[in-house]
Amino acid sequence: MDVAALAQLLHETADRHGSFEPVAPPHNWWDWYAAYMNARESGSTPEEASATAARYMAEVKHIIVSPT
């Protein structure tokens, strides 16, 4: 991945994490970022990648967002 593509993916990831951050318990942002970016690089849509990252945070990191 070239620098421009990586920067674009990081920007997208930051935007998507913005909706997770305020409703999640304290967590390390890089865990969510890594799960999201891995899913996107594997072909997931942004929506699928967000769900994958949230699932990773819940199942592996025990950071659970309660549904509102």
PDB file of N, CA and C in Angstrom:
ATOM      1  N   MET A   1       0.853  -1.164   0.000  1.00  0.00           N
ATOM      2  CA  MET A   1       0.000   0.000   0.000  1.00  0.00           C
ATOM      3  C   MET A   1       0.903   1.232   0.000  1.00  0.00           C
ATOM      4  N   ASP A   2       0.610   2.174  -0.880  1.00  0.00           N
ATOM      5  CA  ASP A   2       1.421   3.390  -0.915  1.00  0.00           C
ATOM      6  C   ASP A   2       0.988   4.357   0.187  1.00  0.00           C
ATOM      7  N   VAL A   3       1.774   5.398   0.373  1.00  0.00           N
ATOM      8  CA  VAL A   3       1.543   6.333   1.471  1.00  0.00           C
ATOM      9  C   VAL A   3       0.185   7.021   1.335  1.00  0.00           C
ATOM     10  N   ALA A   4      -0.179   7.440   0.141  1.00  0.00           N
ATOM     11  CA  ALA A   4      -1.458   8.132  -0.053  1.00  0.00           C
ATOM     12  C   ALA A   4      -2.638   7.221   0.289  1.00  0.00           C
ATOM     13  N   ALA A   5      -2.572   5.970  -0.138  1.00  0.00           N
ATOM     14  CA  ALA A   5      -3.650   5.022   0.161  1.00  0.00           C
ATOM     15  C   ALA A   5      -3.723   4.735   1.657  1.00  0.00           C
ATOM     16  N   LEU A   6      -2.569   4.606   2.293  1.00  0.00           N
ATOM     17  CA  LEU A   6      -2.543   4.373   3.736  1.00  0.00           C
ATOM     18  C   LEU A   6      -3.116   5.570   4.481  1.00  0.00           C
ATOM     19  N   ALA A   7      -2.755   6.774   4.061  1.00  0.00           N
ATOM     20  CA  ALA A   7      -3.296   7.978   4.692  1.00  0.00           C
ATOM     21  C   ALA A   7      -4.808   8.042   4.545  1.00  0.00           C
ATOM     22  N   GLN A   8      -5.304   7.679   3.376  1.00  0.00           N
ATOM     23  CA  GLN A   8      -6.744   7.672   3.147  1.00  0.00           C
ATOM     24  C   GLN A   8      -7.428   6.642   4.044  1.00  0.00           C
ATOM     25  N   LEU A   9      -6.854   5.459   4.164  1.00  0.00           N
ATOM     26  CA  LEU A   9      -7.430   4.430   5.020  1.00  0.00           C
ATOM     27  C   LEU A   9      -7.394   4.847   6.488  1.00  0.00           C
ATOM     28  N   LEU A  10      -6.309   5.472   6.915  1.00  0.00           N
ATOM     29  CA  LEU A  10      -6.235   5.969   8.294  1.00  0.00           C
ATOM     30  C   LEU A  10      -7.295   7.044   8.552  1.00  0.00           C
ATOM     31  N   HIS A  11      -7.500   7.924   7.599  1.00  0.00           N
ATOM     32  CA  HIS A  11      -8.522   8.961   7.746  1.00  0.00           C
ATOM     33  C   HIS A  11      -9.905   8.332   7.860  1.00  0.00           C
ATOM     34  N   GLU A  12     -10.215   7.397   6.989  1.00  0.00           N
ATOM     35  CA  GLU A  12     -11.496   6.693   7.041  1.00  0.00           C
ATOM     36  C   GLU A  12     -11.657   5.990   8.382  1.00  0.00           C
ATOM     37  N   THR A  13     -10.595   5.344   8.844  1.00  0.00           N
ATOM     38  CA  THR A  13     -10.634   4.613  10.113  1.00  0.00           C
ATOM     39  C   THR A  13     -10.910   5.572  11.268  1.00  0.00           C
ATOM     40  N   ALA A  14     -10.255   6.709  11.258  1.00  0.00           N
ATOM     41  CA  ALA A  14     -10.483   7.712  12.307  1.00  0.00           C
ATOM     42  C   ALA A  14     -11.935   8.188  12.296  1.00  0.00           C
ATOM     43  N   ASP A  15     -12.473   8.426  11.118  1.00  0.00           N
ATOM     44  CA  ASP A  15     -13.874   8.847  11.014  1.00  0.00           C
ATOM     45  C   ASP A  15     -14.808   7.781  11.573  1.00  0.00           C
ATOM     46  N   ARG A  16     -14.578   6.545  11.226  1.00  0.00           N
ATOM     47  CA  ARG A  16     -15.433   5.443  11.686  1.00  0.00           C
ATOM     48  C   ARG A  16     -15.290   5.219  13.185  1.00  0.00           C
ATOM     49  N   HIS A  17     -14.079   5.343  13.701  1.00  0.00           N
ATOM     50  CA  HIS A  17     -13.850   5.163  15.141  1.00  0.00           C
ATOM     51  C   HIS A  17     -14.550   6.259  15.937  1.00  0.00           C
ATOM     52  N   GLY A  18     -14.757   7.399  15.301  1.00  0.00           N
ATOM     53  CA  GLY A  18     -15.424   8.512  15.960  1.00  0.00           C
ATOM     54  C   GLY A  18     -16.801   8.183  16.490  1.00  0.00           C
ATOM     55  N   SER A  19     -17.498   7.247  15.876  1.00  0.00           N
ATOM     56  CA  SER A  19     -18.821   6.859  16.383  1.00  0.00           C
ATOM     57  C   SER A  19     -18.723   5.800  17.475  1.00  0.00           C
ATOM     58  N   PHE A  20     -17.622   5.083  17.540  1.00  0.00           N
ATOM     59  CA  PHE A  20     -17.411   4.058  18.571  1.00  0.00           C
ATOM     60  C   PHE A  20     -16.882   4.691  19.853  1.00  0.00           C
ATOM     61  N   GLU A  21     -15.985   5.629  19.709  1.00  0.00           N
ATOM     62  CA  GLU A  21     -15.273   6.233  20.839  1.00  0.00           C
ATOM     63  C   GLU A  21     -16.187   6.774  21.939  1.00  0.00           C
ATOM     64  N   PRO A  22     -17.186   7.594  21.626  1.00  0.00           N
ATOM     65  CA  PRO A  22     -17.959   8.213  22.708  1.00  0.00           C
ATOM     66  C   PRO A  22     -18.900   7.257  23.452  1.00  0.00           C
ATOM     67  N   VAL A  23     -19.207   6.117  22.871  1.00  0.00           N
ATOM     68  CA  VAL A  23     -20.141   5.187  23.521  1.00  0.00           C
ATOM     69  C   VAL A  23     -19.436   3.980  24.137  1.00  0.00           C
ATOM     70  N   ALA A  24     -18.141   3.869  23.920  1.00  0.00           N
ATOM     71  CA  ALA A  24     -17.383   2.713  24.426  1.00  0.00           C
ATOM     72  C   ALA A  24     -16.719   3.053  25.760  1.00  0.00           C
ATOM     73  N   PRO A  25     -16.537   2.030  26.593  1.00  0.00           N
ATOM     74  CA  PRO A  25     -15.733   2.235  27.797  1.00  0.00           C
ATOM     75  C   PRO A  25     -14.301   2.603  27.389  1.00  0.00           C
ATOM     76  N   PRO A  26     -13.489   3.095  28.327  1.00  0.00           N
ATOM     77  CA  PRO A  26     -12.099   3.426  27.994  1.00  0.00           C
ATOM     78  C   PRO A  26     -11.403   2.241  27.307  1.00  0.00           C
ATOM     79  N   HIS A  27     -10.671   2.564  26.260  1.00  0.00           N
ATOM     80  CA  HIS A  27      -9.995   1.527  25.479  1.00  0.00           C
ATOM     81  C   HIS A  27      -8.824   2.147  24.729  1.00  0.00           C
ATOM     82  N   ASN A  28      -7.990   1.289  24.181  1.00  0.00           N
ATOM     83  CA  ASN A  28      -6.872   1.730  23.344  1.00  0.00           C
ATOM     84  C   ASN A  28      -7.374   1.828  21.908  1.00  0.00           C
ATOM     85  N   TRP A  29      -7.344   3.042  21.367  1.00  0.00           N
ATOM     86  CA  TRP A  29      -7.875   3.262  20.027  1.00  0.00           C
ATOM     87  C   TRP A  29      -7.201   2.372  18.999  1.00  0.00           C
ATOM     88  N   TRP A  30      -5.929   2.058  19.203  1.00  0.00           N
ATOM     89  CA  TRP A  30      -5.190   1.305  18.182  1.00  0.00           C
ATOM     90  C   TRP A  30      -5.720  -0.116  18.026  1.00  0.00           C
ATOM     91  N   ASP A  31      -6.339  -0.674  19.058  1.00  0.00           N
ATOM     92  CA  ASP A  31      -6.931  -2.005  18.916  1.00  0.00           C
ATOM     93  C   ASP A  31      -8.093  -1.971  17.929  1.00  0.00           C
ATOM     94  N   TRP A  32      -8.967  -0.965  18.073  1.00  0.00           N
ATOM     95  CA  TRP A  32     -10.099  -0.824  17.156  1.00  0.00           C
ATOM     96  C   TRP A  32      -9.592  -0.523  15.749  1.00  0.00           C
ATOM     97  N   TYR A  33      -8.625   0.389  15.647  1.00  0.00           N
ATOM     98  CA  TYR A  33      -8.056   0.739  14.345  1.00  0.00           C
ATOM     99  C   TYR A  33      -7.498  -0.493  13.635  1.00  0.00           C
ATOM    100  N   ALA A  34      -6.744  -1.296  14.358  1.00  0.00           N
ATOM    101  CA  ALA A  34      -6.112  -2.469  13.744  1.00  0.00           C
ATOM    102  C   ALA A  34      -7.157  -3.437  13.205  1.00  0.00           C
ATOM    103  N   ALA A  35      -8.199  -3.690  13.987  1.00  0.00           N
ATOM    104  CA  ALA A  35      -9.251  -4.608  13.542  1.00  0.00           C
ATOM    105  C   ALA A  35      -9.986  -4.039  12.332  1.00  0.00           C
ATOM    106  N   TYR A  36     -10.288  -2.743  12.371  1.00  0.00           N
ATOM    107  CA  TYR A  36     -10.984  -2.098  11.258  1.00  0.00           C
ATOM    108  C   TYR A  36     -10.135  -2.135   9.987  1.00  0.00           C
ATOM    109  N   MET A  37      -8.888  -1.708  10.111  1.00  0.00           N
ATOM    110  CA  MET A  37      -8.021  -1.643   8.934  1.00  0.00           C
ATOM    111  C   MET A  37      -7.766  -3.025   8.343  1.00  0.00           C
ATOM    112  N   ASN A  38      -7.610  -4.025   9.197  1.00  0.00           N
ATOM    113  CA  ASN A  38      -7.424  -5.388   8.714  1.00  0.00           C
ATOM    114  C   ASN A  38      -8.640  -5.841   7.923  1.00  0.00           C
ATOM    115  N   ALA A  39      -9.823  -5.548   8.435  1.00  0.00           N
ATOM    116  CA  ALA A  39     -11.048  -5.932   7.728  1.00  0.00           C
ATOM    117  C   ALA A  39     -11.163  -5.208   6.391  1.00  0.00           C
ATOM    118  N   ARG A  40     -10.846  -3.915   6.361  1.00  0.00           N
ATOM    119  CA  ARG A  40     -10.919  -3.165   5.101  1.00  0.00           C
ATOM    120  C   ARG A  40      -9.923  -3.695   4.089  1.00  0.00           C
ATOM    121  N   GLU A  41      -8.715  -3.992   4.545  1.00  0.00           N
ATOM    122  CA  GLU A  41      -7.702  -4.518   3.625  1.00  0.00           C
ATOM    123  C   GLU A  41      -8.062  -5.918   3.129  1.00  0.00           C
ATOM    124  N   SER A  42      -8.942  -6.601   3.859  1.00  0.00           N
ATOM    125  CA  SER A  42      -9.395  -7.938   3.449  1.00  0.00           C
ATOM    126  C   SER A  42     -10.638  -7.879   2.573  1.00  0.00           C
ATOM    127  N   GLY A  43     -11.108  -6.669   2.253  1.00  0.00           N
ATOM    128  CA  GLY A  43     -12.219  -6.531   1.322  1.00  0.00           C
ATOM    129  C   GLY A  43     -13.562  -6.179   1.935  1.00  0.00           C
ATOM    130  N   SER A  44     -13.644  -5.995   3.243  1.00  0.00           N
ATOM    131  CA  SER A  44     -14.907  -5.628   3.881  1.00  0.00           C
ATOM    132  C   SER A  44     -15.299  -4.203   3.517  1.00  0.00           C
ATOM    133  N   THR A  45     -16.594  -3.952   3.506  1.00  0.00           N
ATOM    134  CA  THR A  45     -17.089  -2.585   3.342  1.00  0.00           C
ATOM    135  C   THR A  45     -16.811  -1.820   4.638  1.00  0.00           C
ATOM    136  N   PRO A  46     -16.915  -0.496   4.614  1.00  0.00           N
ATOM    137  CA  PRO A  46     -16.744   0.251   5.862  1.00  0.00           C
ATOM    138  C   PRO A  46     -17.711  -0.193   6.973  1.00  0.00           C
ATOM    139  N   GLU A  47     -18.945  -0.481   6.604  1.00  0.00           N
ATOM    140  CA  GLU A  47     -19.928  -0.932   7.591  1.00  0.00           C
ATOM    141  C   GLU A  47     -19.541  -2.292   8.176  1.00  0.00           C
ATOM    142  N   GLU A  48     -19.126  -3.201   7.316  1.00  0.00           N
ATOM    143  CA  GLU A  48     -18.689  -4.522   7.781  1.00  0.00           C
ATOM    144  C   GLU A  48     -17.449  -4.409   8.658  1.00  0.00           C
ATOM    145  N   ALA A  49     -16.527  -3.545   8.271  1.00  0.00           N
ATOM    146  CA  ALA A  49     -15.294  -3.373   9.036  1.00  0.00           C
ATOM    147  C   ALA A  49     -15.581  -2.780  10.407  1.00  0.00           C
ATOM    148  N   SER A  50     -16.511  -1.850  10.493  1.00  0.00           N
ATOM    149  CA  SER A  50     -16.897  -1.283  11.786  1.00  0.00           C
ATOM    150  C   SER A  50     -17.479  -2.371  12.686  1.00  0.00           C
ATOM    151  N   ALA A  51     -18.333  -3.210  12.122  1.00  0.00           N
ATOM    152  CA  ALA A  51     -18.917  -4.303  12.897  1.00  0.00           C
ATOM    153  C   ALA A  51     -17.842  -5.301  13.328  1.00  0.00           C
ATOM    154  N   THR A  52     -16.906  -5.580  12.448  1.00  0.00           N
ATOM    155  CA  THR A  52     -15.803  -6.482  12.779  1.00  0.00           C
ATOM    156  C   THR A  52     -14.963  -5.917  13.911  1.00  0.00           C
ATOM    157  N   ALA A  53     -14.665  -4.625  13.842  1.00  0.00           N
ATOM    158  CA  ALA A  53     -13.864  -3.988  14.891  1.00  0.00           C
ATOM    159  C   ALA A  53     -14.601  -4.004  16.218  1.00  0.00           C
ATOM    160  N   ALA A  54     -15.887  -3.720  16.199  1.00  0.00           N
ATOM    161  CA  ALA A  54     -16.672  -3.751  17.442  1.00  0.00           C
ATOM    162  C   ALA A  54     -16.719  -5.166  18.018  1.00  0.00           C
ATOM    163  N   ARG A  55     -16.869  -6.154  17.156  1.00  0.00           N
ATOM    164  CA  ARG A  55     -16.892  -7.551  17.603  1.00  0.00           C
ATOM    165  C   ARG A  55     -15.542  -7.942  18.207  1.00  0.00           C
ATOM    166  N   TYR A  56     -14.464  -7.530  17.573  1.00  0.00           N
ATOM    167  CA  TYR A  56     -13.124  -7.796  18.097  1.00  0.00           C
ATOM    168  C   TYR A  56     -12.962  -7.166  19.479  1.00  0.00           C
ATOM    169  N   MET A  57     -13.375  -5.918  19.592  1.00  0.00           N
ATOM    170  CA  MET A  57     -13.241  -5.241  20.876  1.00  0.00           C
ATOM    171  C   MET A  57     -14.034  -5.957  21.963  1.00  0.00           C
ATOM    172  N   ALA A  58     -15.217  -6.437  21.637  1.00  0.00           N
ATOM    173  CA  ALA A  58     -16.055  -7.132  22.615  1.00  0.00           C
ATOM    174  C   ALA A  58     -15.495  -8.505  22.967  1.00  0.00           C
ATOM    175  N   GLU A  59     -15.138  -9.272  21.948  1.00  0.00           N
ATOM    176  CA  GLU A  59     -14.740 -10.654  22.173  1.00  0.00           C
ATOM    177  C   GLU A  59     -13.310 -10.815  22.665  1.00  0.00           C
ATOM    178  N   VAL A  60     -12.405  -9.986  22.204  1.00  0.00           N
ATOM    179  CA  VAL A  60     -10.994 -10.148  22.540  1.00  0.00           C
ATOM    180  C   VAL A  60     -10.563  -9.191  23.655  1.00  0.00           C
ATOM    181  N   LYS A  61     -11.017  -7.947  23.570  1.00  0.00           N
ATOM    182  CA  LYS A  61     -10.579  -6.925  24.525  1.00  0.00           C
ATOM    183  C   LYS A  61     -11.583  -6.689  25.650  1.00  0.00           C
ATOM    184  N   HIS A  62     -12.762  -7.307  25.535  1.00  0.00           N
ATOM    185  CA  HIS A  62     -13.818  -7.186  26.546  1.00  0.00           C
ATOM    186  C   HIS A  62     -14.282  -5.738  26.731  1.00  0.00           C
ATOM    187  N   ILE A  63     -14.279  -4.994  25.637  1.00  0.00           N
ATOM    188  CA  ILE A  63     -14.789  -3.626  25.596  1.00  0.00           C
ATOM    189  C   ILE A  63     -16.151  -3.722  24.900  1.00  0.00           C
ATOM    190  N   ILE A  64     -17.191  -3.638  25.680  1.00  0.00           N
ATOM    191  CA  ILE A  64     -18.527  -3.894  25.167  1.00  0.00           C
ATOM    192  C   ILE A  64     -19.328  -2.600  25.184  1.00  0.00           C
ATOM    193  N   VAL A  65     -19.904  -2.280  24.032  1.00  0.00           N
ATOM    194  CA  VAL A  65     -20.771  -1.119  23.894  1.00  0.00           C
ATOM    195  C   VAL A  65     -22.189  -1.601  24.062  1.00  0.00           C
ATOM    196  N   SER A  66     -22.884  -1.025  25.033  1.00  0.00           N
ATOM    197  CA  SER A  66     -24.290  -1.388  25.257  1.00  0.00           C
ATOM    198  C   SER A  66     -25.159  -0.753  24.182  1.00  0.00           C
ATOM    199  N   PRO A  67     -26.102  -1.538  23.665  1.00  0.00           N
ATOM    200  CA  PRO A  67     -27.013  -0.963  22.670  1.00  0.00           C
ATOM    201  C   PRO A  67     -27.887   0.104  23.334  1.00  0.00           C
ATOM    202  N   THR A  68     -28.175   1.140  22.581  1.00  0.00           N
ATOM    203  CA  THR A  68     -29.014   2.222  23.136  1.00  0.00           C
ATOM    204  C   THR A  68     -30.420   2.166  22.630  1.00  0.00           C
TER     205      THR A  68
END
